[in-house]
Amino acid sequence: MSRLIRMDHTGHTEVAEWSADDPASVEAAVTAFRAELDRGFFAIVSTGEGHAEQVHTLPIDAGLVILRRPIAGG
């Protein structure tokens, strides 16, 4: 089971959970993913030990997708 979580003031909130072989759960996760991106969150997926990349579409085969706000400052 794959998970979409949002990092927030509580630590994290599970936004969606899906299984690649369950089209209804994938569709619900994609909808939730898009809604969070529209709210200004970035989506990050681990690409190995100590590495991650930002994604713009929900990678259905990922075990965990993390949503976070942009880092303030500059």
N, C-alpha and C. Protein backbone atom coordinates (compact mmCIF):
# COMPACT_ATOMS: atom_id res chain seq x y z
N MET A 1 0.84 -1.17 0.00
CA MET A 1 0.00 0.00 0.00
C MET A 1 0.89 1.23 0.00
N SER A 2 0.66 2.13 -0.91
CA SER A 2 1.42 3.38 -1.03
C SER A 2 0.71 4.48 -0.26
N ARG A 3 1.49 5.49 0.15
CA ARG A 3 0.92 6.57 0.96
C ARG A 3 1.35 7.94 0.45
N LEU A 4 0.45 8.90 0.57
CA LEU A 4 0.70 10.30 0.29
C LEU A 4 0.54 11.03 1.61
N ILE A 5 1.63 11.63 2.10
CA ILE A 5 1.54 12.35 3.37
C ILE A 5 1.94 13.80 3.19
N ARG A 6 1.33 14.65 4.01
CA ARG A 6 1.62 16.08 3.99
C ARG A 6 2.31 16.44 5.30
N MET A 7 3.51 17.04 5.18
CA MET A 7 4.21 17.54 6.35
C MET A 7 3.54 18.85 6.75
N ASP A 8 3.12 18.93 8.02
CA ASP A 8 2.44 20.13 8.49
C ASP A 8 2.79 20.40 9.95
N HIS A 9 2.07 21.33 10.56
CA HIS A 9 2.39 21.74 11.93
C HIS A 9 2.21 20.61 12.95
N THR A 10 1.52 19.55 12.58
CA THR A 10 1.34 18.42 13.50
C THR A 10 2.41 17.36 13.31
N GLY A 11 3.26 17.54 12.34
CA GLY A 11 4.27 16.53 11.99
C GLY A 11 3.97 16.01 10.60
N HIS A 12 2.89 15.24 10.47
CA HIS A 12 2.44 14.81 9.15
C HIS A 12 1.00 14.33 9.22
N THR A 13 0.34 14.41 8.07
CA THR A 13 -1.04 13.97 7.93
C THR A 13 -1.12 13.09 6.70
N GLU A 14 -1.72 11.91 6.83
CA GLU A 14 -1.91 11.07 5.66
C GLU A 14 -3.05 11.63 4.83
N VAL A 15 -2.75 11.92 3.57
CA VAL A 15 -3.72 12.52 2.66
C VAL A 15 -4.42 11.45 1.83
N ALA A 16 -3.68 10.42 1.43
CA ALA A 16 -4.26 9.35 0.61
C ALA A 16 -3.43 8.08 0.76
N GLU A 17 -4.07 6.99 0.43
CA GLU A 17 -3.41 5.68 0.41
C GLU A 17 -3.95 4.96 -0.82
N TRP A 18 -3.09 4.27 -1.54
CA TRP A 18 -3.54 3.59 -2.76
C TRP A 18 -2.75 2.32 -3.00
N SER A 19 -3.32 1.50 -3.85
CA SER A 19 -2.68 0.28 -4.32
C SER A 19 -2.73 0.32 -5.84
N ALA A 20 -1.60 0.06 -6.48
CA ALA A 20 -1.51 0.17 -7.94
C ALA A 20 -2.53 -0.72 -8.65
N ASP A 21 -2.96 -1.80 -8.00
CA ASP A 21 -3.93 -2.69 -8.64
C ASP A 21 -5.39 -2.36 -8.28
N ASP A 22 -5.61 -1.20 -7.67
CA ASP A 22 -6.95 -0.73 -7.32
C ASP A 22 -7.20 0.62 -7.97
N PRO A 23 -7.78 0.63 -9.17
CA PRO A 23 -7.96 1.88 -9.91
C PRO A 23 -8.71 2.97 -9.14
N ALA A 24 -9.67 2.61 -8.34
CA ALA A 24 -10.43 3.62 -7.58
C ALA A 24 -9.53 4.31 -6.56
N SER A 25 -8.67 3.55 -5.89
CA SER A 25 -7.78 4.17 -4.90
C SER A 25 -6.72 5.02 -5.59
N VAL A 26 -6.26 4.61 -6.76
CA VAL A 26 -5.29 5.41 -7.52
C VAL A 26 -5.94 6.72 -7.96
N GLU A 27 -7.15 6.66 -8.47
CA GLU A 27 -7.85 7.87 -8.91
C GLU A 27 -8.05 8.85 -7.75
N ALA A 28 -8.43 8.33 -6.59
CA ALA A 28 -8.62 9.19 -5.42
C ALA A 28 -7.30 9.81 -4.99
N ALA A 29 -6.22 9.05 -5.04
CA ALA A 29 -4.90 9.56 -4.66
C ALA A 29 -4.43 10.63 -5.64
N VAL A 30 -4.63 10.42 -6.92
CA VAL A 30 -4.24 11.41 -7.93
C VAL A 30 -5.02 12.71 -7.72
N THR A 31 -6.30 12.61 -7.44
CA THR A 31 -7.12 13.79 -7.18
C THR A 31 -6.61 14.54 -5.95
N ALA A 32 -6.32 13.81 -4.88
CA ALA A 32 -5.80 14.43 -3.65
C ALA A 32 -4.44 15.07 -3.91
N PHE A 33 -3.59 14.39 -4.67
CA PHE A 33 -2.26 14.89 -5.01
C PHE A 33 -2.37 16.22 -5.74
N ARG A 34 -3.21 16.28 -6.76
CA ARG A 34 -3.38 17.51 -7.54
C ARG A 34 -3.91 18.65 -6.67
N ALA A 35 -4.84 18.33 -5.79
CA ALA A 35 -5.40 19.36 -4.90
C ALA A 35 -4.32 19.95 -4.00
N GLU A 36 -3.43 19.12 -3.49
CA GLU A 36 -2.36 19.61 -2.62
C GLU A 36 -1.35 20.45 -3.41
N LEU A 37 -1.04 20.05 -4.63
CA LEU A 37 -0.15 20.87 -5.46
C LEU A 37 -0.80 22.22 -5.74
N ASP A 38 -2.09 22.23 -5.99
CA ASP A 38 -2.81 23.48 -6.24
C ASP A 38 -2.80 24.38 -5.01
N ARG A 39 -2.68 23.81 -3.83
CA ARG A 39 -2.61 24.58 -2.58
C ARG A 39 -1.21 25.11 -2.31
N GLY A 40 -0.24 24.76 -3.17
CA GLY A 40 1.11 25.29 -3.03
C GLY A 40 2.12 24.34 -2.45
N PHE A 41 1.75 23.09 -2.25
CA PHE A 41 2.70 22.11 -1.72
C PHE A 41 3.59 21.57 -2.84
N PHE A 42 4.78 21.15 -2.47
CA PHE A 42 5.70 20.44 -3.36
C PHE A 42 5.60 18.96 -3.02
N ALA A 43 5.80 18.10 -4.00
CA ALA A 43 5.79 16.65 -3.77
C ALA A 43 7.20 16.11 -3.97
N ILE A 44 7.63 15.29 -3.03
CA ILE A 44 8.99 14.75 -3.01
C ILE A 44 8.93 13.23 -2.91
N VAL A 45 9.80 12.57 -3.66
CA VAL A 45 9.93 11.12 -3.61
C VAL A 45 11.39 10.76 -3.43
N SER A 46 11.66 9.81 -2.55
CA SER A 46 13.03 9.35 -2.33
C SER A 46 13.53 8.60 -3.56
N THR A 47 14.79 8.88 -3.92
CA THR A 47 15.41 8.17 -5.05
C THR A 47 16.60 7.34 -4.57
N GLY A 48 16.68 7.13 -3.28
CA GLY A 48 17.78 6.36 -2.71
C GLY A 48 18.27 7.01 -1.43
N GLU A 49 19.17 6.36 -0.77
CA GLU A 49 19.70 6.84 0.50
C GLU A 49 20.21 8.27 0.39
N GLY A 50 19.53 9.19 1.10
CA GLY A 50 19.96 10.58 1.14
C GLY A 50 19.64 11.40 -0.10
N HIS A 51 18.82 10.88 -1.00
CA HIS A 51 18.48 11.58 -2.23
C HIS A 51 16.97 11.58 -2.45
N ALA A 52 16.48 12.67 -3.02
CA ALA A 52 15.06 12.78 -3.33
C ALA A 52 14.89 13.69 -4.53
N GLU A 53 13.73 13.59 -5.16
CA GLU A 53 13.45 14.48 -6.28
C GLU A 53 12.01 14.97 -6.20
N GLN A 54 11.81 16.17 -6.70
CA GLN A 54 10.47 16.74 -6.75
C GLN A 54 9.73 16.12 -7.93
N VAL A 55 8.45 15.79 -7.72
CA VAL A 55 7.63 15.21 -8.79
C VAL A 55 6.40 16.09 -9.01
N HIS A 56 5.90 16.07 -10.23
CA HIS A 56 4.74 16.89 -10.60
C HIS A 56 3.53 16.05 -10.93
N THR A 57 3.74 14.74 -11.04
CA THR A 57 2.64 13.79 -11.19
C THR A 57 2.85 12.70 -10.15
N LEU A 58 1.76 12.11 -9.70
CA LEU A 58 1.86 11.09 -8.67
C LEU A 58 2.49 9.83 -9.24
N PRO A 59 3.66 9.43 -8.70
CA PRO A 59 4.27 8.18 -9.16
C PRO A 59 3.55 7.00 -8.50
N ILE A 60 2.74 6.32 -9.26
CA ILE A 60 1.88 5.26 -8.73
C ILE A 60 2.68 4.14 -8.07
N ASP A 61 3.90 3.90 -8.53
CA ASP A 61 4.71 2.81 -7.99
C ASP A 61 5.52 3.20 -6.76
N ALA A 62 5.47 4.47 -6.35
CA ALA A 62 6.23 4.92 -5.17
C ALA A 62 5.55 4.41 -3.90
N GLY A 63 6.33 4.03 -2.93
CA GLY A 63 5.78 3.60 -1.66
C GLY A 63 5.34 4.76 -0.78
N LEU A 64 6.04 5.89 -0.93
CA LEU A 64 5.74 7.06 -0.11
C LEU A 64 6.01 8.33 -0.91
N VAL A 65 5.04 9.23 -0.90
CA VAL A 65 5.19 10.54 -1.52
C VAL A 65 4.94 11.56 -0.41
N ILE A 66 5.87 12.49 -0.25
CA ILE A 66 5.78 13.49 0.82
C ILE A 66 5.47 14.85 0.22
N LEU A 67 4.48 15.49 0.79
CA LEU A 67 4.12 16.86 0.39
C LEU A 67 4.66 17.82 1.43
N ARG A 68 5.23 18.93 0.98
CA ARG A 68 5.73 19.93 1.92
C ARG A 68 5.58 21.30 1.29
N ARG A 69 5.60 22.31 2.14
CA ARG A 69 5.57 23.71 1.68
C ARG A 69 6.97 24.10 1.22
N PRO A 70 7.07 25.09 0.34
CA PRO A 70 8.39 25.61 -0.04
C PRO A 70 9.10 26.15 1.20
N ILE A 71 10.40 26.07 1.22
CA ILE A 71 11.19 26.61 2.32
C ILE A 71 11.19 28.13 2.20
N ALA A 72 10.89 28.80 3.30
CA ALA A 72 10.86 30.27 3.32
C ALA A 72 12.26 30.83 3.35
N GLY A 73 12.38 32.05 2.92
CA GLY A 73 13.69 32.71 2.96
C GLY A 73 14.26 32.87 1.57
N GLY A 74 15.50 33.15 1.52
CA GLY A 74 16.05 33.27 0.20
C GLY A 74 17.26 34.07 0.24
